[in-house]
Structure formats: structure tokens, C-alpha cells
Protein backbone atom coordinates (compact mmCIF):
# COMPACT_ATOMS: atom_id res chain seq x y z
CA UNK A 1 10.81 13.63 9.31
CA UNK A 2 7.54 14.46 7.32
CA UNK A 3 5.38 11.72 5.77
CA UNK A 4 3.22 12.57 2.53
CA UNK A 5 1.75 10.70 -0.20
CA UNK A 6 0.94 10.79 -3.72
CA UNK A 7 -2.51 9.52 -4.45
CA UNK A 8 -4.20 8.62 -7.90
CA UNK A 9 -7.35 6.43 -8.15
CA UNK A 10 -10.37 5.64 -9.67
CA UNK A 11 -12.61 8.36 -7.09
CA UNK A 12 -10.65 10.91 -9.61
CA UNK A 13 -9.13 10.09 -12.67
CA UNK A 14 -10.37 7.12 -15.39
CA UNK A 15 -8.66 3.72 -14.90
CA UNK A 16 -6.91 4.03 -18.28
CA UNK A 17 -4.66 7.02 -16.88
CA UNK A 18 -4.10 5.23 -13.56
CA UNK A 19 -2.67 2.23 -15.93
CA UNK A 20 -0.47 4.40 -17.39
CA UNK A 21 0.65 6.29 -14.36
CA UNK A 22 1.55 2.96 -13.17
CA UNK A 23 3.96 2.11 -16.13
CA UNK A 24 7.53 1.36 -14.23
CA UNK A 25 6.14 1.29 -10.28
CA UNK A 26 8.07 -1.42 -9.64
CA UNK A 27 11.20 0.95 -10.36
CA UNK A 28 9.83 3.75 -8.78
CA UNK A 29 10.83 3.41 -5.13
CA UNK A 30 14.69 2.86 -5.68
CA UNK A 31 14.61 5.60 -8.52
CA UNK A 32 13.42 8.36 -6.56
CA UNK A 33 15.75 7.50 -3.85
CA UNK A 34 19.03 7.19 -5.73
CA UNK A 35 17.42 10.22 -7.61
CA UNK A 36 16.68 12.93 -5.21
CA UNK A 37 18.42 13.85 -1.53
CA UNK A 38 15.01 15.03 0.04
CA UNK A 39 12.93 11.55 -0.63
CA UNK A 40 14.34 9.77 2.46
CA UNK A 41 11.95 7.12 1.97
CA UNK A 42 9.08 5.39 -0.13
CA UNK A 43 6.68 2.72 -0.74
CA UNK A 44 4.85 2.61 -3.86
CA UNK A 45 1.01 1.18 -3.96
CA UNK A 46 0.16 -0.26 -7.17
CA UNK A 47 -3.62 -2.03 -7.78
CA UNK A 48 -6.22 -2.04 -10.35
CA UNK A 49 -7.80 0.87 -9.35
CA UNK A 50 -4.99 2.92 -7.64
CA UNK A 51 -1.79 4.44 -8.17
CA UNK A 52 -0.21 5.89 -5.01
CA UNK A 53 3.56 6.63 -3.40
CA UNK A 54 3.83 6.96 0.05
CA UNK A 55 7.29 9.18 1.29
CA UNK A 56 9.06 10.48 3.72
CA UNK A 57 11.28 13.81 3.75
CA UNK A 58 13.66 15.16 6.23
CA UNK A 59 11.30 17.98 7.09
CA UNK A 60 8.63 20.13 5.58
CA UNK A 61 10.50 22.40 3.69
CA UNK A 62 11.70 19.51 1.57
CA UNK A 63 8.23 18.50 0.94
CA UNK A 64 7.79 20.55 -3.00
CA UNK A 65 11.05 19.45 -3.61
CA UNK A 66 10.52 15.76 -3.07
CA UNK A 67 6.71 15.83 -4.80
CA UNK A 68 8.68 17.19 -8.03
CA UNK A 69 11.35 14.63 -7.62
CA UNK A 70 8.71 11.61 -7.38
CA UNK A 71 6.67 13.35 -10.43
CA UNK A 72 9.69 13.80 -12.67
CA UNK A 73 10.55 10.16 -12.01
CA UNK A 74 6.50 9.09 -12.79
CA UNK A 75 6.97 11.38 -15.87
CA UNK A 76 10.30 9.26 -17.02
CA UNK A 77 9.31 5.93 -16.04
CA UNK A 78 5.40 6.36 -17.66
CA UNK A 79 6.25 8.42 -20.66
CA UNK A 80 3.57 11.00 -19.72
CA UNK A 81 4.23 14.35 -19.41
CA UNK A 82 5.03 15.97 -15.98
CA UNK A 83 2.53 18.66 -15.92
CA UNK A 84 -0.43 15.80 -16.40
CA UNK A 85 1.45 13.43 -14.02
CA UNK A 86 1.36 16.34 -11.54
CA UNK A 87 -2.55 16.57 -12.54
CA UNK A 88 -3.47 13.53 -11.97
CA UNK A 89 -2.13 13.14 -8.51
CA UNK A 90 -3.47 14.73 -5.04
CA UNK A 91 -0.89 15.20 -2.37
CA UNK A 92 -1.79 14.58 1.43
CA UNK A 93 0.60 15.35 4.25
CA UNK A 94 0.48 15.18 7.89
CA UNK A 95 -2.51 13.31 9.53
CA UNK A 96 -4.45 12.89 6.30
CA UNK A 97 -1.47 10.31 4.71
CA UNK A 98 -2.60 8.14 8.03
CA UNK A 99 -6.06 8.64 7.28
CA UNK A 100 -6.14 7.93 4.00
CA UNK A 101 -3.89 4.49 4.16
CA UNK A 102 -5.71 3.47 6.60
CA UNK A 103 -8.84 3.85 4.72
CA UNK A 104 -7.72 1.99 2.32
CA UNK A 105 -5.86 -0.92 3.63
CA UNK A 106 -9.53 -1.50 5.61
CA UNK A 107 -11.70 -1.55 2.27
CA UNK A 108 -13.60 1.97 2.85
CA UNK A 109 -11.75 3.62 -0.28
CA UNK A 110 -12.16 0.64 -2.60
CA UNK A 111 -14.27 0.55 -5.65
CA UNK A 112 -15.99 -2.80 -3.93
CA UNK A 113 -16.25 -1.13 -0.46
CA UNK A 114 -15.00 -3.33 1.80
CA UNK A 115 -13.30 -5.48 -0.50
CA UNK A 116 -10.44 -8.18 1.11
CA UNK A 117 -8.08 -8.05 -1.65
CA UNK A 118 -6.63 -4.72 -0.73
CA UNK A 119 -5.00 -5.79 2.70
CA UNK A 120 -2.95 -7.85 1.09
CA UNK A 121 -1.64 -5.64 -1.07
CA UNK A 122 -0.88 -3.06 1.36
CA UNK A 123 1.16 -5.93 3.03
CA UNK A 124 3.03 -6.88 -0.43
CA UNK A 125 4.02 -2.91 -1.08
CA UNK A 126 5.49 -2.79 2.72
CA UNK A 127 7.03 -5.97 2.08
CA UNK A 128 8.86 -5.09 -1.33
CA UNK A 129 9.78 -1.70 -0.46
CA UNK A 130 11.98 -3.68 2.77
CA UNK A 131 13.06 -6.04 0.14
CA UNK A 132 14.49 -3.03 -2.14
CA UNK A 133 15.58 -1.09 1.25
CA UNK A 134 13.33 1.85 0.32
CA UNK A 135 11.19 1.92 3.35
CA UNK A 136 12.11 4.45 6.02
CA UNK A 137 11.62 3.66 9.53
CA UNK A 138 8.83 5.90 9.67
CA UNK A 139 7.24 4.50 6.75
CA UNK A 140 7.34 0.98 8.38
CA UNK A 141 5.44 2.11 11.63
CA UNK A 142 2.58 3.82 9.58
CA UNK A 143 2.16 0.19 6.96
CA UNK A 144 2.20 -1.65 9.78
CA UNK A 145 -0.17 0.31 11.71
CA UNK A 146 -2.60 0.26 8.65
CA UNK A 147 -2.52 -3.03 8.33
CA UNK A 148 -3.31 -3.48 11.84
CA UNK A 149 -6.49 -1.45 11.60
CA UNK A 150 -7.81 -3.42 8.64
CA UNK A 151 -7.52 -6.41 10.75
CA UNK A 152 -9.52 -4.66 13.70
CA UNK A 153 -12.35 -3.81 11.10
CA UNK A 154 -12.61 -7.30 9.43
CA UNK A 155 -12.62 -8.34 13.32
CA UNK A 156 -15.09 -5.91 14.85
CA UNK A 157 -17.47 -5.07 12.22
CA UNK A 158 -19.48 -6.84 9.42
CA UNK A 159 -17.67 -4.61 6.84
CA UNK A 160 -17.08 -7.28 4.24
CA UNK A 161 -18.39 -10.28 6.02
CA UNK A 162 -19.66 -11.54 2.79
CA UNK A 163 -16.30 -12.07 1.26
CA UNK A 164 -17.29 -9.15 -1.61
CA UNK A 165 -14.58 -8.67 -3.97
CA UNK A 166 -13.80 -7.10 -7.30
CA UNK A 167 -13.55 -10.67 -8.53
CA UNK A 168 -16.87 -11.81 -6.59
CA UNK A 169 -18.94 -9.17 -8.17
CA UNK A 170 -17.80 -9.84 -11.85
CA UNK A 171 -18.13 -13.08 -11.17
CA UNK A 172 -21.84 -12.52 -9.83
CA UNK A 173 -22.31 -9.87 -13.51
CA UNK A 174 -21.42 -12.87 -15.29
CA UNK A 175 -24.24 -15.19 -13.75
CA UNK A 176 -26.43 -12.87 -14.56
CA UNK A 177 -25.65 -12.41 -18.01
CA UNK A 178 -25.27 -16.25 -18.52
CA UNK A 179 -28.18 -18.40 -19.82
CA UNK A 180 -27.64 -20.99 -17.23
CA UNK A 181 -25.93 -19.93 -13.59
CA UNK A 182 -24.40 -23.48 -13.10
CA UNK A 183 -20.83 -22.61 -13.04
CA UNK A 184 -19.90 -26.40 -12.62
CA UNK A 185 -20.86 -26.74 -16.62
CA UNK A 186 -19.18 -23.71 -17.90
CA UNK A 187 -15.52 -23.54 -19.61
CA UNK A 188 -13.40 -20.88 -18.43
CA UNK A 189 -10.26 -20.10 -19.48
CA UNK A 190 -7.99 -17.69 -17.15
CA UNK A 191 -5.35 -15.46 -18.45
CA UNK A 192 -2.35 -14.34 -15.77
CA UNK A 193 -1.04 -16.21 -12.13
CA UNK A 194 -0.53 -13.22 -10.17
CA UNK A 195 -2.67 -12.48 -6.89
CA UNK A 196 -6.30 -11.82 -9.14
CA UNK A 197 -5.87 -15.12 -10.95
CA UNK A 198 -5.09 -16.80 -7.34
CA UNK A 199 -8.19 -15.07 -6.00
CA UNK A 200 -10.18 -16.01 -9.32
CA UNK A 201 -9.20 -19.94 -9.08
CA UNK A 202 -10.63 -19.89 -5.49
CA UNK A 203 -13.83 -18.34 -6.13
CA UNK A 204 -14.49 -20.32 -9.33
CA UNK A 205 -13.28 -23.43 -7.21
CA UNK A 206 -16.43 -22.01 -4.51
CA UNK A 207 -18.84 -21.71 -7.52
CA UNK A 208 -18.34 -25.53 -8.51
CA UNK A 209 -16.11 -24.52 -11.56
CA UNK A 210 -13.88 -27.55 -12.49
CA UNK A 211 -13.04 -27.19 -16.26
CA UNK A 212 -10.68 -23.96 -15.96
CA UNK A 213 -7.50 -23.56 -18.31
CA UNK A 214 -5.25 -20.99 -17.49
CA UNK A 215 -2.72 -19.03 -19.95
CA UNK A 216 0.73 -17.05 -18.88
CA UNK A 217 2.39 -14.78 -21.38
CA UNK A 218 5.41 -15.28 -19.42
CA UNK A 219 5.19 -19.13 -18.79
CA UNK A 220 4.12 -19.61 -15.34
CA UNK A 221 0.69 -21.54 -15.96
CA UNK A 222 2.49 -24.82 -15.21
CA UNK A 223 3.61 -23.44 -11.68
CA UNK A 224 0.73 -22.04 -11.13
CA UNK A 225 -1.85 -24.70 -11.83
CA UNK A 226 0.29 -27.13 -9.73
CA UNK A 227 -0.72 -25.71 -7.06
CA UNK A 228 -4.22 -24.29 -7.59
CA UNK A 229 -5.27 -27.01 -10.04
CA UNK A 230 -6.48 -26.43 -14.01
CA UNK A 231 -4.80 -26.82 -16.97
CA UNK A 232 -1.81 -25.15 -18.26
CA UNK A 233 -1.82 -23.52 -21.59
CA UNK A 234 0.57 -22.29 -24.09
CA UNK A 235 0.10 -20.96 -27.23
CA UNK A 236 -0.31 -23.54 -29.57
CA UNK A 237 -3.34 -24.70 -26.83
CA UNK A 238 -4.61 -21.51 -26.29
CA UNK A 239 -6.64 -20.39 -29.58
CA UNK A 240 -8.69 -23.88 -29.20
CA UNK A 241 -9.47 -23.30 -25.44
CA UNK A 242 -10.82 -19.60 -26.25
CA UNK A 243 -12.98 -21.31 -28.69
CA UNK A 244 -14.49 -23.55 -26.57
CA UNK A 245 -15.13 -21.34 -23.82
CA UNK A 246 -18.10 -19.68 -22.19
CA UNK A 247 -16.31 -17.38 -20.14
CA UNK A 248 -12.48 -15.85 -20.14
CA UNK A 249 -10.95 -13.76 -17.39
CA UNK A 250 -8.08 -11.48 -17.72
CA UNK A 251 -5.97 -11.02 -14.65
CA UNK A 252 -2.35 -10.43 -16.28
CA UNK A 253 -1.91 -7.19 -17.54
CA UNK A 254 0.58 -8.10 -19.52
CA UNK A 255 1.81 -6.50 -22.82
CA UNK A 256 0.37 -9.04 -24.83
CA UNK A 257 -3.63 -9.01 -25.68
CA UNK A 258 -6.63 -10.70 -27.47
CA UNK A 259 -7.30 -8.29 -30.03
CA UNK A 260 -11.02 -8.08 -31.48
CA UNK A 261 -9.75 -9.26 -34.88
CA UNK A 262 -8.28 -12.50 -33.22
CA UNK A 263 -11.15 -13.45 -31.27
CA UNK A 264 -13.75 -12.85 -34.17
CA UNK A 265 -11.66 -15.49 -36.11
CA UNK A 266 -11.12 -17.99 -33.38
CA UNK A 267 -14.70 -17.98 -32.31
CA UNK A 268 -16.28 -18.01 -35.94
CA UNK A 269 -17.85 -21.59 -35.56
CA UNK A 270 -18.89 -20.91 -31.68
CA UNK A 271 -22.63 -20.86 -31.23
CA UNK A 272 -22.50 -19.95 -27.85
CA UNK A 273 -22.32 -16.44 -25.78
CA UNK A 274 -18.55 -16.00 -24.46
CA UNK A 275 -18.21 -13.75 -21.78
CA UNK A 276 -15.13 -12.17 -21.26
CA UNK A 277 -14.45 -9.91 -17.59
CA UNK A 278 -10.98 -7.63 -18.23
CA UNK A 279 -9.80 -7.30 -14.41
CA UNK A 280 -6.40 -6.26 -15.72
CA UNK A 281 -6.02 -2.37 -15.12
CA UNK A 282 -3.68 -2.01 -18.78
CA UNK A 283 -6.51 -4.71 -20.57
CA UNK A 284 -6.03 -8.50 -21.12
CA UNK A 285 -8.68 -7.66 -23.88
CA UNK A 286 -9.11 -5.44 -26.96
CA UNK A 287 -12.02 -2.76 -25.95
CA UNK A 288 -13.45 -3.56 -29.24
CA UNK A 289 -14.34 -7.41 -28.26
CA UNK A 290 -17.15 -5.95 -26.37
CA UNK A 291 -18.29 -4.99 -30.10
CA UNK A 292 -18.23 -8.57 -31.67
CA UNK A 293 -21.54 -10.83 -31.72
CA UNK A 294 -22.12 -13.27 -29.22
CA UNK A 295 -19.31 -11.72 -26.64
CA UNK A 296 -20.60 -10.13 -23.61
CA UNK A 297 -17.58 -7.51 -22.56
CA UNK A 298 -16.98 -6.78 -18.54
CA UNK A 299 -14.44 -4.30 -17.18
CA UNK A 300 -13.34 -2.79 -13.87
CA UNK A 301 -15.95 -0.05 -14.66
CA UNK A 302 -18.47 -2.25 -14.86
CA UNK A 303 -17.49 -3.98 -11.59
CA UNK A 304 -17.08 -0.35 -9.81
CA UNK A 305 -20.73 0.79 -11.24
CA UNK A 306 -22.57 -2.87 -10.34
CA UNK A 307 -20.75 -2.87 -6.71
CA UNK A 308 -23.39 -3.06 -3.58
CA UNK A 309 -23.08 -0.62 -1.20
CA UNK A 310 -22.30 -2.13 2.45
CA UNK A 311 -25.02 -1.26 5.46
CA UNK A 312 -24.50 2.17 6.48
CA UNK A 313 -24.02 0.73 10.03
CA UNK A 314 -20.93 -1.29 9.07
CA UNK A 315 -19.59 1.45 7.30
CA UNK A 316 -20.20 3.86 10.33
CA UNK A 317 -18.32 1.79 12.94
CA UNK A 318 -15.84 0.85 10.25
CA UNK A 319 -14.85 4.58 9.72
CA UNK A 320 -14.94 5.27 13.81
CA UNK A 321 -12.38 2.59 13.81
CA UNK A 322 -10.34 3.49 11.35
CA UNK A 323 -10.27 7.32 12.48
CA UNK A 324 -9.36 6.31 15.80
CA UNK A 325 -6.32 4.54 15.11
CA UNK A 326 -5.40 7.30 12.82
CA UNK A 327 -5.60 9.78 15.83
CA UNK A 328 -3.64 7.18 17.60
CA UNK A 329 -0.88 6.83 15.66
CA UNK A 330 -0.47 10.11 15.05
CA UNK A 331 -0.50 11.07 19.15
CA UNK A 332 2.10 8.32 19.06
CA UNK A 333 4.59 9.76 15.95
CA UNK A 334 4.24 13.15 17.66
CA UNK A 335 5.44 12.05 20.80
CA UNK A 336 8.03 9.99 19.36
CA UNK A 337 9.23 13.02 17.32
CA UNK A 338 10.41 14.79 20.37
CA UNK A 339 12.49 11.76 21.74
CA UNK A 340 15.37 13.02 20.21
CA UNK A 341 14.69 16.55 22.11
CA UNK A 342 14.41 14.98 25.53
CA UNK A 343 17.45 12.63 25.25
CA UNK A 344 19.50 15.94 24.37
CA UNK A 345 18.19 17.84 27.40
CA UNK A 346 19.11 14.85 29.42
CA UNK A 347 22.32 14.32 28.15
CA UNK A 348 23.51 17.63 28.49
CA UNK A 349 22.05 17.88 32.26
CA UNK A 350 23.86 14.40 33.22
CA UNK A 351 27.05 16.24 31.53
CA UNK A 352 26.71 19.20 33.66
CA UNK A 353 26.21 16.96 36.92
CA UNK A 354 29.39 14.50 36.05
CA UNK A 355 31.35 17.52 35.33
CA UNK A 356 30.06 19.09 38.92
CA UNK A 357 30.63 15.60 40.47
CA UNK A 358 34.37 15.13 38.99
CA UNK A 359 35.31 18.17 40.94
CA UNK A 360 33.91 17.27 44.20
CA UNK A 361 35.79 13.63 43.87
CA UNK A 362 38.75 15.36 43.05
CA UNK A 363 38.48 17.96 46.58
CA UNK A 364 36.86 15.43 48.49
CA UNK A 365 37.67 11.73 47.40
CA UNK A 366 35.55 8.86 47.10
CA UNK A 367 34.56 9.81 50.52
CA UNK A 368 30.73 9.14 52.05
CA UNK A 369 30.52 12.62 51.69
CA UNK A 370 31.08 12.90 47.99
CA UNK A 371 28.26 9.69 47.91
CA UNK A 372 25.76 12.23 49.48
CA UNK A 373 26.47 14.83 47.51
CA UNK A 374 26.22 12.59 43.83
CA UNK A 375 22.75 10.78 45.09
CA UNK A 376 21.24 14.11 46.46
CA UNK A 377 22.37 15.93 42.95
CA UNK A 378 20.46 13.35 40.87
CA UNK A 379 17.80 13.12 42.69
CA UNK A 380 17.33 17.33 41.94
CA UNK A 381 18.47 16.96 38.47
CA UNK A 382 15.53 14.01 37.77
CA UNK A 383 13.31 16.35 39.84
CA UNK A 384 13.93 19.35 37.20
CA UNK A 385 13.75 17.12 34.43
CA UNK A 386 10.46 16.02 35.02
CA UNK A 387 8.15 19.32 34.09
CA UNK A 388 10.19 19.88 30.73
CA UNK A 389 9.76 16.46 30.09
CA UNK A 390 6.09 16.47 30.37
CA UNK A 391 5.73 19.68 28.76
CA UNK A 392 7.71 18.04 25.66
CA UNK A 393 5.28 15.41 25.60
CA UNK A 394 2.32 18.04 25.44
CA UNK A 395 3.58 20.27 22.93
CA UNK A 396 4.43 17.02 20.67
CA UNK A 397 0.72 16.39 21.09
CA UNK A 398 -0.22 19.98 19.87
CA UNK A 399 1.96 19.50 16.72
CA UNK A 400 4.52 22.36 18.91
CA UNK A 401 7.54 20.22 18.74
CA UNK A 402 9.41 22.23 16.71
CA UNK A 403 8.88 25.33 19.32
CA UNK A 404 10.48 22.65 21.93
CA UNK A 405 13.70 21.73 19.61
CA UNK A 406 14.00 25.83 19.25
CA UNK A 407 13.66 26.28 22.98
CA UNK A 408 16.67 24.04 23.45
CA UNK A 409 18.76 25.53 21.14
CA UNK A 410 17.87 28.87 22.02
CA UNK A 411 18.44 28.42 26.14
CA UNK A 412 21.54 25.72 25.88
CA UNK A 413 22.67 25.59 22.43
CA UNK A 414 21.69 22.06 22.04
CA UNK A 415 21.35 20.84 18.67
CA UNK A 416 18.69 17.85 18.42
CA UNK A 417 20.30 15.56 16.04
CA UNK A 418 17.56 13.07 14.38
CA UNK A 419 18.05 9.70 14.52
CA UNK A 420 18.85 7.35 12.03
CA UNK A 421 16.89 4.83 10.36
CA UNK A 422 17.38 1.45 11.34
CA UNK A 423 19.08 -0.92 8.75
CA UNK A 424 16.22 -3.09 7.36
CA UNK A 425 16.01 -6.31 8.95
CA UNK A 426 16.23 -9.49 6.88
CA UNK A 427 12.51 -10.25 5.67
CA UNK A 428 11.60 -14.15 5.76
CA UNK A 429 9.28 -13.67 3.13
CA UNK A 430 10.22 -15.41 -0.04
CA UNK A 431 10.32 -12.36 -2.53
CA UNK A 432 11.28 -13.47 -5.61
CA UNK A 433 8.13 -16.08 -5.35
CA UNK A 434 6.28 -12.89 -4.83
CA UNK A 435 7.26 -11.40 -7.11
CA UNK A 436 6.70 -14.10 -9.78
CA UNK A 437 3.06 -14.65 -8.88
CA UNK A 438 2.49 -10.91 -9.19
CA UNK A 439 3.29 -11.00 -12.67
């Protein structure tokens, strides 16, 4: 089985294109598996600054067909033409897939290096794929290893020890733009009830902000504030809250956004500056609000440019951990790839032995002599299989497992069958709640 990934991130293309590509991301994995026999597994990682699809196909010969199928599905779901979609994604295969995902999960590839949210997003991507039945066994192992690596980086380095995140950097920028750095005196309106909204509420509490109102176009604000504090808003109470706000923060990415004309009308009689922080990839606030008098607009691009660089020593140590973990994972994966071949060789050899022993028993019955012959033959077979088994592991470590499989077929006529992926185990996570929180 061959792992591959399609990657579109803030490092290569603009965030607006990332947002357009990710339209319909929740449907992509299922539609890809049902639409192409070449795609045997898929996990989708969609965040505020990246859209990545991790897939598995039976062999290298099907890789291009699998990629084409995903590009076609993304084009259909996003409404973008296939040429643009194909140009927007870089393709990783082999060890590059592992190294990239491990670096992403550890926060090394983030706009805010060492951010803590991304590890949780990687875990949730796998959980969603398992719930939908699109995560192959190879992808499950890959994502679980990536999460473990992220934990190791967090435990063994100072990377991200300051708790930096996209939200925290945005709030730092807002503090710099404010007349006062006292958040306890600020009125804040938060749009959205997903993961970023939850992180925003926590950081606002840490900064002493208690006057927080929450609006959700999906009507989930009441349930959200019940566990996190704050005041729930509806469409009728929202205008007054925005009119009185010092800061409004967009975290929803819904189809409903605050237009510049509406904001200007609502804030017409306000004599204070409003800081609008738009953390939604698809924009909760019309970009034109930044041109209004008395409004300062901060975006994900603002956060990316302002994000501080972590210390070189911490980055170097974290990179060493990631590279070491990726190499170990690849070595284990290559070793696994010959397991079926080793089993097939042993089964073939033991079948020959059993056939010969049937002849011995037919001639001598179940006598002591027959038992001695069987014992000797089984010991001999074990010794004969030792070197082929060791060589299989060595060849796999060098990426030559296909040579070993071909040799078995040429020498013994053994056809090596790949193991079927096990059925997905029932997951204890409440996925309905998870999906509702991401809205």
C-alpha cells in the first residue's frame, strides 16, 4: 500500500484560495472512496490556513489515478476548475508524507510556529475519518504516530511553551492597537461556536475579560455559553452588542458575514474605536470594514506576519525529534510491508513439510520414529527460514520489498496477498457533539 498527500497551505498559496479549495471538505473523503477504486483510504485536514488530504492506494501504479480522482472531487465540491485545483496542491509520497504530517502536528509548519491548536486538529481529522469509515489502517497508524510525535515535541522542547497560538497572537495585536491594555474593561463579541471560538473564550478569560457575548448563525450560542460563560446573542440582540463592542472576533466562517455597510450603520453613533479580528478562513467580516473610520481590522495574514519566531535551539531540537520519529515510522512501515511475504513463505514451506509427514505416518504410523522425523524436519525448516526472514527485513528497510515478493513468485510460485484493512472499531468520542462544536 502507498501513502500520499495533497497539500495546500499558507506557505505556498494565498489564504483566499485555501478557503475556496476547502469548500465541501467535509464530504471529500467519502465521495473520493465511493468515486474511485484507486483511493482505498482518505483523511482530510482542513484548518484556517491549510487544506491537506492524506490518501492510500494499493500501489505506486495507481498513485496518479488516485490523485486525479481527488482533484476531480475537490473541483466538483469547491466549484473551481480542475487545472487551478491541481496547480494549488503539492503532492507528497513515501517518506515525505510522514515527515510533513509529523512536522504539521508538532506545529513546525504553522503560521505561528509551535501553535498548540494544530495537534488537536490532526487528532480530530483522524477521529472524523474513522467515524465515516474512510481511514485505512495505514492512515490510522500514520496519524496516531503524528499525534505521539507532537506530544514528544511538547514534552521534550521549549517550543510553544509560552502557549502561543493564532488566537493569542491576534489578541496581542489587538492589545497593541487599543488605547488600554486592560481587557477587564473591554466589551467583546465573538462570532462562532467552534474550536477557535472555544480557544478564544479561554484566552479572554485568562486576560481578565468578563463581558463577552457570543453569536452563532446556526443558533448554538446558548449551548456554547452554558459551558464556557458569556452571553448568547440572537439576530435581534446582535446589532446592539456590536454597537457597544470594543472588540469583535470572527471564528465561524459561516455563510453569513458582517458587511461594511451594516457595520457602519450600527456603529454610526459610537465614539470609540472597534478592533475587528477575523480568524475565519472564509471571512466573517467584509474586508472593507478595515476602511471604515474608527475600525481596525486584523486578519489571519496580519497574525502570520506578526507571529514571533521561536528560539533556534528549540526549533532545532523539535526538528530532530520529528525527523527521528518519521524515520522510525518509515522503517517500521517498510518492515510491515514484507510481513505478508514472510507469512506466505512460511505457510508454503510448512505445507510441504505437512505433506511429507503424511507420507511418513502412512508408512510408519504414529510411532516414535515418525515423531523423531517430524521433530527433526521442523527444526530444519525453522533454520532454513531464518535467513530468508532476516533478508526480507533488510530488503524492506532499503525499500526493496518488491524484489523479495517477486523472488518468491519466481522461485516458488507464491502469490503474496496484501492483508485486508480491519473494520473500524467503534470510537468512544461523541462525534455529533464534535461536529456541532466545529460549526
